[in-house]
């Protein structure tokens, strides 16, 4: 497990929080509606947090699924204060 960034600790102050996201994607364009759909799962209508176990992004090879997921993950890091994990499943 990799932990990045000094001073990024959990609520107890002693446990480091994982920061495993690869860098954001440069030149990312034309996925506004998909990013909006992903953002919609973060809160309910009343603004209450929505607990989501899994969100699936599907598509053919080379369609940009990983790029979309990484762009969104970088945009919403603040919604996941306990850290972010990344697993490359090597499709």
N, C-alpha and C. Protein backbone atom coordinates (compact mmCIF):
# COMPACT_ATOMS: atom_id res chain seq x y z
N UNK A 1 0.85 -1.17 0.00
CA UNK A 1 0.00 0.00 0.00
C UNK A 1 0.89 1.23 0.00
N UNK A 2 0.54 2.24 -0.80
CA UNK A 2 1.33 3.45 -0.91
C UNK A 2 0.59 4.60 -0.25
N UNK A 3 1.33 5.42 0.47
CA UNK A 3 0.78 6.61 1.10
C UNK A 3 1.60 7.79 0.64
N UNK A 4 0.94 8.81 0.11
CA UNK A 4 1.65 9.96 -0.43
C UNK A 4 1.30 11.21 0.35
N UNK A 5 2.26 12.04 0.59
CA UNK A 5 2.04 13.34 1.21
C UNK A 5 2.25 13.32 2.70
N UNK A 6 3.20 14.11 3.16
CA UNK A 6 3.45 14.22 4.60
C UNK A 6 2.31 14.99 5.25
N UNK A 7 1.96 14.60 6.45
CA UNK A 7 0.97 15.32 7.23
C UNK A 7 -0.47 15.02 6.86
N UNK A 8 -0.72 14.08 6.02
CA UNK A 8 -2.10 13.72 5.67
C UNK A 8 -2.49 12.53 6.53
N UNK A 9 -3.18 12.83 7.61
CA UNK A 9 -3.51 11.77 8.55
C UNK A 9 -5.02 11.65 8.72
N UNK A 10 -5.43 10.51 9.23
CA UNK A 10 -6.83 10.24 9.47
C UNK A 10 -7.35 10.96 10.69
N UNK A 11 -8.59 10.65 11.08
CA UNK A 11 -9.25 11.32 12.19
C UNK A 11 -8.51 11.12 13.51
N UNK A 12 -7.85 9.97 13.67
CA UNK A 12 -7.14 9.72 14.92
C UNK A 12 -5.79 10.42 14.98
N UNK A 13 -5.37 11.04 13.88
CA UNK A 13 -4.13 11.80 13.85
C UNK A 13 -2.89 10.97 13.63
N UNK A 14 -2.97 9.65 13.78
CA UNK A 14 -1.80 8.80 13.65
C UNK A 14 -1.78 7.95 12.39
N UNK A 15 -2.94 7.70 11.83
CA UNK A 15 -3.04 6.82 10.68
C UNK A 15 -2.96 7.61 9.39
N UNK A 16 -1.95 7.34 8.54
CA UNK A 16 -1.89 8.07 7.27
C UNK A 16 -3.03 7.66 6.35
N UNK A 17 -3.51 8.61 5.54
CA UNK A 17 -4.58 8.34 4.59
C UNK A 17 -3.95 8.04 3.22
N UNK A 18 -4.43 7.00 2.56
CA UNK A 18 -3.86 6.65 1.25
C UNK A 18 -4.24 7.67 0.18
N UNK A 19 -3.28 8.01 -0.64
CA UNK A 19 -3.47 8.91 -1.79
C UNK A 19 -2.86 8.21 -2.99
N UNK A 20 -3.62 7.30 -3.61
CA UNK A 20 -3.06 6.43 -4.64
C UNK A 20 -3.48 6.78 -6.07
N UNK A 21 -4.18 7.87 -6.26
CA UNK A 21 -4.62 8.20 -7.62
C UNK A 21 -3.45 8.54 -8.51
N UNK A 22 -3.41 7.98 -9.71
CA UNK A 22 -2.42 8.44 -10.69
C UNK A 22 -2.73 9.89 -11.04
N UNK A 23 -1.83 10.55 -11.72
CA UNK A 23 -2.04 11.94 -12.11
C UNK A 23 -3.28 12.13 -12.94
N UNK A 24 -3.82 13.35 -12.89
CA UNK A 24 -5.00 13.68 -13.68
C UNK A 24 -4.65 13.63 -15.17
N UNK A 25 -5.65 13.46 -16.00
CA UNK A 25 -5.48 13.29 -17.44
C UNK A 25 -5.42 14.66 -18.12
N UNK A 26 -4.37 14.90 -18.89
CA UNK A 26 -4.24 16.14 -19.66
C UNK A 26 -5.05 16.00 -20.96
N UNK A 27 -5.61 17.12 -21.39
CA UNK A 27 -6.34 17.11 -22.66
C UNK A 27 -7.67 16.39 -22.59
N UNK A 28 -8.26 16.27 -21.41
CA UNK A 28 -9.53 15.58 -21.23
C UNK A 28 -10.67 16.51 -21.68
N UNK A 29 -11.50 16.09 -22.63
CA UNK A 29 -12.58 16.94 -23.15
C UNK A 29 -13.83 16.11 -23.44
N UNK A 30 -14.95 16.82 -23.57
CA UNK A 30 -16.22 16.26 -24.08
C UNK A 30 -16.84 15.16 -23.24
N UNK A 31 -16.70 15.20 -21.95
CA UNK A 31 -17.37 14.22 -21.10
C UNK A 31 -18.18 14.90 -20.00
N UNK A 32 -18.69 16.09 -20.29
CA UNK A 32 -19.42 16.88 -19.30
C UNK A 32 -20.64 16.13 -18.76
N UNK A 33 -21.43 15.53 -19.63
CA UNK A 33 -22.65 14.85 -19.16
C UNK A 33 -22.30 13.63 -18.31
N UNK A 34 -21.24 12.91 -18.67
CA UNK A 34 -20.84 11.74 -17.87
C UNK A 34 -20.34 12.17 -16.50
N UNK A 35 -19.57 13.26 -16.44
CA UNK A 35 -19.09 13.77 -15.15
C UNK A 35 -20.26 14.25 -14.29
N UNK A 36 -21.25 14.87 -14.91
CA UNK A 36 -22.44 15.30 -14.17
C UNK A 36 -23.20 14.11 -13.60
N UNK A 37 -23.30 13.03 -14.36
CA UNK A 37 -23.98 11.82 -13.87
C UNK A 37 -23.24 11.21 -12.69
N UNK A 38 -21.90 11.22 -12.76
CA UNK A 38 -21.11 10.72 -11.64
C UNK A 38 -21.27 11.63 -10.42
N UNK A 39 -21.27 12.94 -10.63
CA UNK A 39 -21.46 13.87 -9.53
C UNK A 39 -22.81 13.70 -8.86
N UNK A 40 -23.82 13.32 -9.63
CA UNK A 40 -25.17 13.15 -9.10
C UNK A 40 -25.26 12.04 -8.07
N UNK A 41 -24.34 11.09 -8.10
CA UNK A 41 -24.41 10.00 -7.12
C UNK A 41 -23.84 10.39 -5.77
N UNK A 42 -23.16 11.56 -5.69
CA UNK A 42 -22.53 11.95 -4.43
C UNK A 42 -23.51 12.41 -3.37
N UNK A 43 -24.62 13.04 -3.76
CA UNK A 43 -25.58 13.53 -2.78
C UNK A 43 -27.00 13.21 -3.21
N UNK A 44 -27.85 13.11 -2.24
CA UNK A 44 -29.27 12.94 -2.52
C UNK A 44 -29.88 14.30 -2.79
N UNK A 45 -31.16 14.35 -3.12
CA UNK A 45 -31.83 15.61 -3.43
C UNK A 45 -31.72 16.61 -2.28
N UNK A 46 -31.79 16.14 -1.05
CA UNK A 46 -31.72 17.03 0.11
C UNK A 46 -30.30 17.41 0.48
N UNK A 47 -29.32 16.98 -0.29
CA UNK A 47 -27.93 17.30 0.01
C UNK A 47 -27.29 16.32 0.98
N UNK A 48 -28.05 15.31 1.40
CA UNK A 48 -27.52 14.31 2.32
C UNK A 48 -26.56 13.38 1.56
N UNK A 49 -25.50 12.92 2.23
CA UNK A 49 -24.57 12.01 1.56
C UNK A 49 -25.28 10.72 1.15
N UNK A 50 -24.93 10.24 -0.01
CA UNK A 50 -25.46 8.98 -0.52
C UNK A 50 -24.33 7.95 -0.46
N UNK A 51 -24.57 6.84 0.18
CA UNK A 51 -23.55 5.80 0.27
C UNK A 51 -23.65 4.93 -0.98
N UNK A 52 -22.58 4.89 -1.74
CA UNK A 52 -22.53 4.10 -2.97
C UNK A 52 -21.42 3.08 -2.81
N UNK A 53 -21.75 1.82 -2.96
CA UNK A 53 -20.76 0.77 -2.84
C UNK A 53 -19.92 0.66 -4.10
N UNK A 54 -20.57 0.67 -5.24
CA UNK A 54 -19.88 0.48 -6.51
C UNK A 54 -20.56 1.33 -7.58
N UNK A 55 -19.76 1.93 -8.42
CA UNK A 55 -20.25 2.62 -9.60
C UNK A 55 -19.49 2.04 -10.78
N UNK A 56 -20.20 1.58 -11.79
CA UNK A 56 -19.57 0.92 -12.93
C UNK A 56 -19.55 1.86 -14.13
N UNK A 57 -18.37 2.00 -14.73
CA UNK A 57 -18.22 2.74 -15.98
C UNK A 57 -17.89 1.70 -17.05
N UNK A 58 -18.80 1.53 -18.00
CA UNK A 58 -18.62 0.49 -19.01
C UNK A 58 -18.46 1.10 -20.39
N UNK A 59 -17.78 0.38 -21.26
CA UNK A 59 -17.60 0.82 -22.63
C UNK A 59 -16.57 -0.04 -23.33
N UNK A 60 -16.41 0.19 -24.62
CA UNK A 60 -15.45 -0.60 -25.39
C UNK A 60 -14.02 -0.16 -25.11
N UNK A 61 -13.08 -0.97 -25.52
CA UNK A 61 -11.67 -0.66 -25.32
C UNK A 61 -11.32 0.66 -25.99
N UNK A 62 -10.58 1.48 -25.30
CA UNK A 62 -10.14 2.75 -25.85
C UNK A 62 -11.17 3.87 -25.80
N UNK A 63 -12.31 3.62 -25.16
CA UNK A 63 -13.37 4.63 -25.10
C UNK A 63 -13.08 5.73 -24.08
N UNK A 64 -12.11 5.52 -23.19
CA UNK A 64 -11.76 6.53 -22.21
C UNK A 64 -12.35 6.31 -20.83
N UNK A 65 -12.66 5.06 -20.50
CA UNK A 65 -13.25 4.76 -19.19
C UNK A 65 -12.31 5.13 -18.05
N UNK A 66 -11.05 4.75 -18.15
CA UNK A 66 -10.08 5.06 -17.10
C UNK A 66 -9.86 6.56 -17.00
N UNK A 67 -9.77 7.24 -18.14
CA UNK A 67 -9.58 8.69 -18.13
C UNK A 67 -10.75 9.38 -17.45
N UNK A 68 -11.96 8.95 -17.75
CA UNK A 68 -13.15 9.52 -17.13
C UNK A 68 -13.12 9.29 -15.62
N UNK A 69 -12.84 8.07 -15.21
CA UNK A 69 -12.82 7.75 -13.78
C UNK A 69 -11.75 8.56 -13.05
N UNK A 70 -10.57 8.69 -13.63
CA UNK A 70 -9.50 9.45 -12.99
C UNK A 70 -9.83 10.93 -12.92
N UNK A 71 -10.38 11.49 -14.00
CA UNK A 71 -10.75 12.91 -13.99
C UNK A 71 -11.75 13.17 -12.88
N UNK A 72 -12.78 12.32 -12.79
CA UNK A 72 -13.81 12.49 -11.77
C UNK A 72 -13.23 12.32 -10.37
N UNK A 73 -12.38 11.31 -10.20
CA UNK A 73 -11.78 11.06 -8.88
C UNK A 73 -10.97 12.27 -8.40
N UNK A 74 -10.25 12.89 -9.30
CA UNK A 74 -9.48 14.08 -8.93
C UNK A 74 -10.40 15.25 -8.58
N UNK A 75 -11.52 15.36 -9.26
CA UNK A 75 -12.45 16.46 -9.01
C UNK A 75 -13.17 16.33 -7.68
N UNK A 76 -13.36 15.10 -7.19
CA UNK A 76 -14.17 14.89 -5.99
C UNK A 76 -13.36 14.37 -4.80
N UNK A 77 -12.06 14.54 -4.81
CA UNK A 77 -11.24 14.04 -3.71
C UNK A 77 -11.73 14.52 -2.34
N UNK A 78 -12.20 15.75 -2.26
CA UNK A 78 -12.65 16.30 -0.98
C UNK A 78 -13.83 15.54 -0.40
N UNK A 79 -14.59 14.85 -1.23
CA UNK A 79 -15.74 14.06 -0.75
C UNK A 79 -15.30 12.75 -0.10
N UNK A 80 -14.03 12.42 -0.22
CA UNK A 80 -13.51 11.17 0.32
C UNK A 80 -12.30 11.47 1.20
N UNK A 81 -12.54 12.07 2.38
CA UNK A 81 -11.44 12.53 3.23
C UNK A 81 -10.60 11.40 3.83
N UNK A 82 -11.11 10.19 3.81
CA UNK A 82 -10.34 9.07 4.36
C UNK A 82 -9.28 8.56 3.39
N UNK A 83 -9.27 9.07 2.17
CA UNK A 83 -8.25 8.68 1.20
C UNK A 83 -8.85 8.12 -0.07
N UNK A 84 -7.97 7.86 -1.03
CA UNK A 84 -8.39 7.30 -2.31
C UNK A 84 -7.46 6.14 -2.66
N UNK A 85 -8.06 5.04 -3.09
CA UNK A 85 -7.30 3.86 -3.50
C UNK A 85 -7.42 3.71 -5.01
N UNK A 86 -6.40 3.16 -5.62
CA UNK A 86 -6.41 2.91 -7.06
C UNK A 86 -5.89 1.50 -7.30
N UNK A 87 -6.61 0.73 -8.11
CA UNK A 87 -6.19 -0.61 -8.47
C UNK A 87 -6.25 -0.73 -10.00
N UNK A 88 -5.13 -1.04 -10.63
CA UNK A 88 -5.10 -1.26 -12.06
C UNK A 88 -5.37 -2.75 -12.30
N UNK A 89 -6.52 -3.06 -12.86
CA UNK A 89 -6.91 -4.46 -13.07
C UNK A 89 -6.34 -5.02 -14.34
N UNK A 90 -5.64 -4.21 -15.12
CA UNK A 90 -4.96 -4.63 -16.34
C UNK A 90 -5.90 -5.34 -17.32
N UNK A 91 -7.11 -4.76 -17.46
CA UNK A 91 -8.18 -5.15 -18.33
C UNK A 91 -7.95 -6.36 -19.11
